[in-house]
């Protein structure tokens, strides 16, 4: 029965995390200088009827942030 409580707490934490990320994304869109997805280094090729967008810099920044958050979470868990 205790495992159900642990799963419930985990789901609440994950849900709150998703809400926090959603609010952060909404707030970031209000500041024009903080546009996610249009960083220098992102590849954008536009032709007549073709658009190719590869957000390589955005992916690297997101990966670094998520890695730091995972490390912080792991350190707090100990």
Protein backbone atom coordinates (compact mmCIF):
# COMPACT_ATOMS: atom_id res chain seq x y z
CA UNK A 1 0.00 0.00 0.00
CA UNK A 2 2.93 2.30 0.67
CA UNK A 3 4.06 2.02 -2.95
CA UNK A 4 0.76 3.60 -4.08
CA UNK A 5 1.48 6.59 -1.86
CA UNK A 6 4.95 6.97 -3.37
CA UNK A 7 3.52 6.80 -6.89
CA UNK A 8 0.89 9.37 -5.97
CA UNK A 9 3.51 11.78 -4.58
CA UNK A 10 5.65 11.29 -7.67
CA UNK A 11 2.70 12.08 -9.96
CA UNK A 12 1.93 15.23 -7.98
CA UNK A 13 5.56 16.38 -8.23
CA UNK A 14 5.68 15.66 -11.97
CA UNK A 15 2.39 17.49 -12.46
CA UNK A 16 3.60 20.53 -10.54
CA UNK A 17 6.79 20.47 -12.57
CA UNK A 18 4.82 20.48 -15.81
CA UNK A 19 2.71 23.38 -14.57
CA UNK A 20 5.88 25.30 -13.65
CA UNK A 21 7.42 24.68 -17.08
CA UNK A 22 4.18 25.74 -18.78
CA UNK A 23 4.02 28.97 -16.79
CA UNK A 24 7.68 29.64 -17.55
CA UNK A 25 7.08 29.20 -21.28
CA UNK A 26 4.08 31.53 -21.18
CA UNK A 27 6.05 34.18 -19.30
CA UNK A 28 9.07 33.89 -21.59
CA UNK A 29 6.89 34.63 -24.62
CA UNK A 30 6.01 38.02 -23.11
CA UNK A 31 9.64 39.16 -23.29
CA UNK A 32 10.74 39.67 -26.92
CA UNK A 33 14.45 39.24 -26.15
CA UNK A 34 13.95 35.79 -24.64
CA UNK A 35 12.42 33.95 -27.60
CA UNK A 36 13.06 30.23 -27.31
CA UNK A 37 13.76 28.53 -30.60
CA UNK A 38 15.36 31.43 -32.44
CA UNK A 39 18.83 31.41 -30.93
CA UNK A 40 21.95 32.24 -32.93
CA UNK A 41 23.24 28.99 -34.39
CA UNK A 42 19.80 27.56 -35.15
CA UNK A 43 19.60 26.60 -38.81
CA UNK A 44 16.81 28.14 -40.88
CA UNK A 45 16.60 27.61 -44.62
CA UNK A 46 13.70 29.18 -46.51
CA UNK A 47 13.02 28.71 -50.20
CA UNK A 48 9.97 29.45 -52.34
CA UNK A 49 7.73 26.68 -51.01
CA UNK A 50 10.09 24.99 -48.55
CA UNK A 51 11.17 25.81 -45.01
CA UNK A 52 13.70 23.79 -43.04
CA UNK A 53 14.33 24.65 -39.39
CA UNK A 54 16.82 22.77 -37.22
CA UNK A 55 17.14 24.30 -33.70
CA UNK A 56 20.55 22.88 -32.85
CA UNK A 57 21.57 25.64 -30.44
CA UNK A 58 18.19 25.57 -28.72
CA UNK A 59 18.49 21.80 -28.28
CA UNK A 60 21.99 22.15 -26.77
CA UNK A 61 20.82 24.82 -24.31
CA UNK A 62 17.75 22.78 -23.35
CA UNK A 63 19.89 19.67 -22.87
CA UNK A 64 22.33 21.54 -20.62
CA UNK A 65 19.49 22.98 -18.52
CA UNK A 66 17.77 19.61 -18.16
CA UNK A 67 21.07 17.94 -17.26
CA UNK A 68 21.70 20.53 -14.55
CA UNK A 69 18.17 20.09 -13.20
CA UNK A 70 18.61 16.31 -13.12
CA UNK A 71 21.92 16.70 -11.30
CA UNK A 72 20.34 19.09 -8.80
CA UNK A 73 17.41 16.72 -8.25
CA UNK A 74 19.81 13.82 -7.73
CA UNK A 75 21.86 15.82 -5.21
CA UNK A 76 18.74 16.87 -3.29
CA UNK A 77 17.45 13.30 -3.22
CA UNK A 78 20.51 12.01 -1.33
